N, C-alpha and C. Protein backbone atom coordinates (compact mmCIF):
# COMPACT_ATOMS: atom_id res chain seq x y z
N MET A 1 21.58 -30.80 1.23
CA MET A 1 22.84 -29.60 1.19
C MET A 1 22.12 -28.42 0.02
N TYR A 2 22.41 -26.89 0.07
CA TYR A 2 22.28 -25.52 -0.49
C TYR A 2 23.22 -24.97 -1.39
N SER A 3 23.08 -24.30 -2.13
CA SER A 3 24.32 -23.59 -2.60
C SER A 3 23.85 -21.77 -2.44
N TYR A 4 24.93 -21.10 -2.79
CA TYR A 4 25.03 -19.82 -2.61
C TYR A 4 24.06 -19.45 -4.10
N ALA A 5 24.16 -20.02 -4.84
CA ALA A 5 23.14 -20.04 -6.25
C ALA A 5 22.21 -19.58 -5.69
N LEU A 6 21.49 -20.32 -5.08
CA LEU A 6 19.76 -20.15 -4.57
C LEU A 6 19.60 -18.41 -4.15
N LEU A 7 20.54 -18.17 -3.71
CA LEU A 7 20.22 -16.73 -2.89
C LEU A 7 19.90 -15.66 -3.90
N GLU A 8 19.44 -14.56 -3.75
CA GLU A 8 19.02 -13.34 -4.49
C GLU A 8 19.61 -12.45 -4.10
N ASN A 9 20.20 -11.34 -5.32
CA ASN A 9 20.79 -10.15 -4.71
C ASN A 9 19.75 -8.90 -4.05
N GLY A 10 20.74 -8.40 -2.99
CA GLY A 10 19.70 -7.58 -2.36
C GLY A 10 18.97 -7.94 -1.03
N CYS A 11 18.81 -9.42 -0.95
CA CYS A 11 18.28 -9.93 0.00
C CYS A 11 18.91 -10.32 1.15
N HIS A 12 18.10 -10.62 2.41
CA HIS A 12 19.04 -10.58 3.70
C HIS A 12 18.25 -12.58 3.95
N TYR A 13 19.43 -13.18 4.61
CA TYR A 13 18.70 -14.46 4.73
C TYR A 13 19.80 -15.03 6.15
N LEU A 14 18.80 -15.99 6.57
CA LEU A 14 19.71 -16.34 8.11
C LEU A 14 19.91 -17.60 7.45
N ILE A 15 21.12 -18.08 7.39
CA ILE A 15 21.63 -19.40 7.06
C ILE A 15 22.78 -20.10 8.20
N GLN A 16 22.80 -21.21 7.95
CA GLN A 16 23.88 -22.02 8.58
C GLN A 16 25.17 -22.72 7.49
N GLU A 17 26.22 -22.28 7.37
CA GLU A 17 27.10 -22.62 6.47
C GLU A 17 27.52 -24.06 6.35
N LYS A 18 28.01 -24.62 7.61
CA LYS A 18 27.91 -26.01 7.90
C LYS A 18 26.95 -26.16 9.04
N GLU A 19 26.92 -27.91 9.39
CA GLU A 19 26.26 -28.21 10.37
C GLU A 19 26.15 -28.12 11.50
N ASP A 20 27.46 -27.86 12.13
CA ASP A 20 27.97 -27.08 13.41
C ASP A 20 28.16 -25.88 13.55
N SER A 21 28.17 -25.03 12.55
CA SER A 21 28.02 -23.61 12.75
C SER A 21 27.20 -22.56 13.10
N PRO A 22 27.55 -21.61 13.50
CA PRO A 22 26.17 -20.92 14.29
C PRO A 22 25.40 -20.34 13.31
N ILE A 23 24.48 -20.12 13.59
CA ILE A 23 23.26 -19.17 12.29
C ILE A 23 23.71 -17.87 12.05
N THR A 24 24.05 -17.17 11.01
CA THR A 24 24.73 -16.12 10.21
C THR A 24 23.44 -15.39 9.64
N LEU A 25 23.10 -13.95 9.77
CA LEU A 25 22.74 -13.19 8.97
C LEU A 25 23.64 -12.48 7.97
N ILE A 26 23.22 -12.93 6.72
CA ILE A 26 23.62 -12.30 5.42
C ILE A 26 22.99 -11.76 4.81
N GLN A 27 23.54 -10.73 3.89
CA GLN A 27 23.08 -10.12 2.98
C GLN A 27 24.03 -10.39 1.32
N VAL A 28 23.21 -10.66 0.27
CA VAL A 28 23.80 -10.52 -0.88
C VAL A 28 23.98 -9.50 -1.51
N THR A 29 25.09 -8.60 -2.05
CA THR A 29 25.23 -7.36 -2.11
C THR A 29 25.45 -6.87 -3.67
N VAL A 30 26.42 -8.04 -4.21
CA VAL A 30 26.70 -8.12 -5.85
C VAL A 30 26.56 -9.48 -6.21
N GLU A 31 26.38 -9.70 -7.53
CA GLU A 31 26.26 -11.01 -7.72
C GLU A 31 27.01 -10.84 -9.49
N SER A 32 27.96 -11.79 -9.44
CA SER A 32 28.77 -11.98 -10.92
C SER A 32 28.21 -13.23 -11.52
N ASP A 33 28.87 -13.52 -12.60
CA ASP A 33 28.63 -14.77 -13.33
C ASP A 33 28.53 -15.95 -12.53
N HIS A 34 29.94 -15.97 -11.55
CA HIS A 34 29.94 -17.14 -10.78
C HIS A 34 30.28 -17.16 -9.35
N CYS A 35 30.26 -15.95 -9.30
CA CYS A 35 30.45 -15.60 -7.43
C CYS A 35 29.18 -14.52 -6.86
N LEU A 36 29.40 -14.54 -5.60
CA LEU A 36 28.31 -13.84 -4.93
C LEU A 36 29.16 -12.77 -4.03
N TYR A 37 28.95 -11.63 -3.83
CA TYR A 37 29.92 -10.71 -2.89
C TYR A 37 28.52 -10.65 -1.64
N VAL A 38 29.14 -10.98 -0.61
CA VAL A 38 28.27 -11.46 0.94
C VAL A 38 28.41 -10.58 1.87
N THR A 39 27.55 -9.98 2.77
CA THR A 39 27.88 -9.12 3.75
C THR A 39 27.48 -10.35 4.75
N MET A 40 28.41 -10.35 5.86
CA MET A 40 27.96 -11.37 6.95
C MET A 40 27.78 -10.36 8.17
N PHE A 41 27.17 -10.98 9.03
CA PHE A 41 26.56 -9.81 9.94
C PHE A 41 26.79 -10.87 11.37
N GLY A 42 27.80 -10.57 11.86
CA GLY A 42 27.79 -11.08 13.59
C GLY A 42 28.38 -9.92 14.29
N ASP A 43 29.56 -10.58 15.22
CA ASP A 43 30.02 -9.38 16.10
C ASP A 43 30.62 -8.11 15.24
N GLU A 44 31.06 -8.73 14.43
CA GLU A 44 31.97 -7.73 13.43
C GLU A 44 31.18 -8.22 11.90
N GLU A 45 31.04 -7.01 11.21
CA GLU A 45 30.78 -7.47 9.53
C GLU A 45 31.90 -8.10 8.83
N ALA A 46 31.46 -8.82 8.05
CA ALA A 46 32.71 -9.13 7.35
C ALA A 46 32.04 -9.15 5.86
N MET A 47 32.81 -8.80 4.96
CA MET A 47 32.33 -9.05 3.42
C MET A 47 33.28 -9.45 2.67
N VAL A 48 32.55 -10.78 2.04
CA VAL A 48 33.87 -12.12 1.23
C VAL A 48 32.97 -12.35 0.05
N TRP A 49 33.73 -12.89 -0.91
CA TRP A 49 32.98 -13.53 -2.13
C TRP A 49 33.06 -14.94 -1.67
N ARG A 50 31.69 -15.32 -2.26
CA ARG A 50 31.41 -16.70 -2.35
C ARG A 50 31.42 -17.16 -3.71
N ARG A 51 31.78 -18.40 -3.72
CA ARG A 51 31.17 -19.24 -5.02
C ARG A 51 29.89 -19.65 -5.38
N LYS A 52 29.15 -19.27 -6.39
CA LYS A 52 27.91 -19.63 -6.34
C LYS A 52 27.64 -21.31 -6.01
N ASN A 53 28.60 -22.50 -6.50
CA ASN A 53 28.33 -23.60 -6.34
C ASN A 53 28.97 -23.91 -4.92
N ASP A 54 29.45 -22.80 -3.75
CA ASP A 54 29.93 -23.09 -2.72
C ASP A 54 28.58 -23.61 -1.85
N SER A 55 28.84 -24.45 -0.97
CA SER A 55 27.86 -25.23 -0.38
C SER A 55 27.17 -24.75 0.93
N ILE A 56 26.00 -24.79 1.31
CA ILE A 56 25.50 -24.02 2.72
C ILE A 56 24.56 -25.28 3.05
N PHE A 57 24.82 -25.39 4.09
CA PHE A 57 24.03 -26.40 5.16
C PHE A 57 22.46 -26.52 5.01
N ASP A 58 22.09 -25.05 5.50
CA ASP A 58 20.72 -24.90 5.74
C ASP A 58 20.56 -23.35 5.32
N ILE A 59 19.54 -23.06 4.54
CA ILE A 59 19.01 -21.68 4.46
C ILE A 59 17.73 -21.88 5.07
N ILE A 60 17.98 -21.29 6.40
CA ILE A 60 16.58 -21.40 7.69
C ILE A 60 15.84 -20.30 7.21
N GLU A 61 15.91 -19.01 6.24
CA GLU A 61 14.87 -18.14 6.14
C GLU A 61 15.46 -17.01 5.01
N LEU A 62 14.42 -16.75 4.30
CA LEU A 62 14.52 -15.37 3.78
C LEU A 62 13.99 -14.31 4.63
N VAL A 63 14.80 -13.23 5.38
CA VAL A 63 14.45 -12.59 6.32
C VAL A 63 13.55 -11.11 5.74
N SER A 64 12.37 -10.77 6.24
CA SER A 64 11.57 -9.68 5.45
C SER A 64 12.35 -8.53 5.74
N ASP A 65 11.68 -7.55 4.89
CA ASP A 65 12.33 -6.27 4.97
C ASP A 65 11.74 -5.60 6.33
N GLU A 66 10.52 -5.98 7.12
CA GLU A 66 10.39 -5.31 8.09
C GLU A 66 11.13 -5.73 9.29
N THR A 67 11.42 -7.21 9.37
CA THR A 67 12.54 -7.78 10.19
C THR A 67 13.78 -7.31 10.09
N VAL A 68 14.18 -7.19 9.07
CA VAL A 68 15.80 -6.60 8.75
C VAL A 68 15.67 -5.09 9.32
N LYS A 69 14.47 -4.06 9.26
CA LYS A 69 14.66 -2.94 9.66
C LYS A 69 14.45 -2.54 11.60
N GLU A 70 13.89 -3.92 11.80
CA GLU A 70 13.76 -4.11 13.50
C GLU A 70 15.15 -4.64 13.67
N TRP A 71 15.90 -5.48 13.05
CA TRP A 71 17.36 -5.80 13.51
C TRP A 71 18.27 -4.95 13.36
N GLU A 72 18.21 -4.19 12.40
CA GLU A 72 18.85 -2.95 12.19
C GLU A 72 18.95 -1.83 13.37
N SER A 73 17.63 -1.81 13.55
CA SER A 73 17.74 -0.58 14.71
C SER A 73 18.41 -1.48 16.30
N LEU A 74 18.19 -2.53 16.41
CA LEU A 74 19.15 -3.21 17.32
C LEU A 74 20.28 -2.97 17.18
N TYR A 75 20.78 -3.59 15.89
CA TYR A 75 22.27 -3.89 15.73
C TYR A 75 22.43 -2.16 15.62
N ASN A 76 22.60 -1.47 15.32
CA ASN A 76 22.98 -0.11 15.31
C ASN A 76 23.27 0.47 16.69
N LYS A 77 21.95 0.26 17.36
CA LYS A 77 21.90 0.76 18.78
C LYS A 77 22.66 0.19 20.02
N ASP A 78 23.32 -1.18 19.51
CA ASP A 78 24.29 -2.21 20.27
C ASP A 78 25.91 -1.30 19.81
N ALA A 79 26.25 -0.87 18.37
CA ALA A 79 26.92 -0.24 17.91
C ALA A 79 27.31 0.91 18.71
N TYR A 80 26.50 1.75 18.78
CA TYR A 80 26.45 3.01 19.54
C TYR A 80 26.98 2.92 21.07
N ASN A 81 26.14 1.94 21.51
CA ASN A 81 26.27 2.00 22.99
C ASN A 81 27.91 1.51 23.14
N TYR A 82 28.03 0.64 22.07
CA TYR A 82 29.72 -0.12 22.37
C TYR A 82 30.79 1.14 22.47
N GLU A 83 30.34 2.27 21.29
CA GLU A 83 31.42 3.39 21.24
C GLU A 83 31.42 4.34 22.24
N GLU A 84 30.09 4.35 23.13
CA GLU A 84 30.01 5.12 24.31
C GLU A 84 30.85 4.65 25.73
N ASP A 85 30.80 2.79 25.63
CA ASP A 85 31.56 2.51 26.77
C ASP A 85 32.83 2.57 26.66
N ASP A 86 33.36 3.00 25.09
CA ASP A 86 35.04 3.02 25.33
C ASP A 86 35.60 4.54 25.62
N GLU A 87 34.58 5.38 25.68
CA GLU A 87 35.34 6.38 26.44
C GLU A 87 35.13 6.53 27.55
C-alpha cells in the first residue's frame, strides 16, 4: 500500500485507490502540511482534498509531460465534440 504523501505537487499520476477500483488519472494541485488538493480526471473532473496518510492501492506511474499533453488534446477534443452533440 502507498499513500498520497508520496505524490508530488504539480505532477500527474495514474493510480488505483482501491484494489478493485478503476485506474484514475490525477494531478496534485495544492499541498498543505497534512493534505493534498487533487484533481481527478474521469467522465467529469472532480477536485477533492485527500489526507497525506490516506492509502492508495497502487501508484501505477508518474505520467510524463509529453503524455499529459497528448492526453489533454484528446480529453479536450472529446469535451468539445460532446458540446457540439448537445445542440
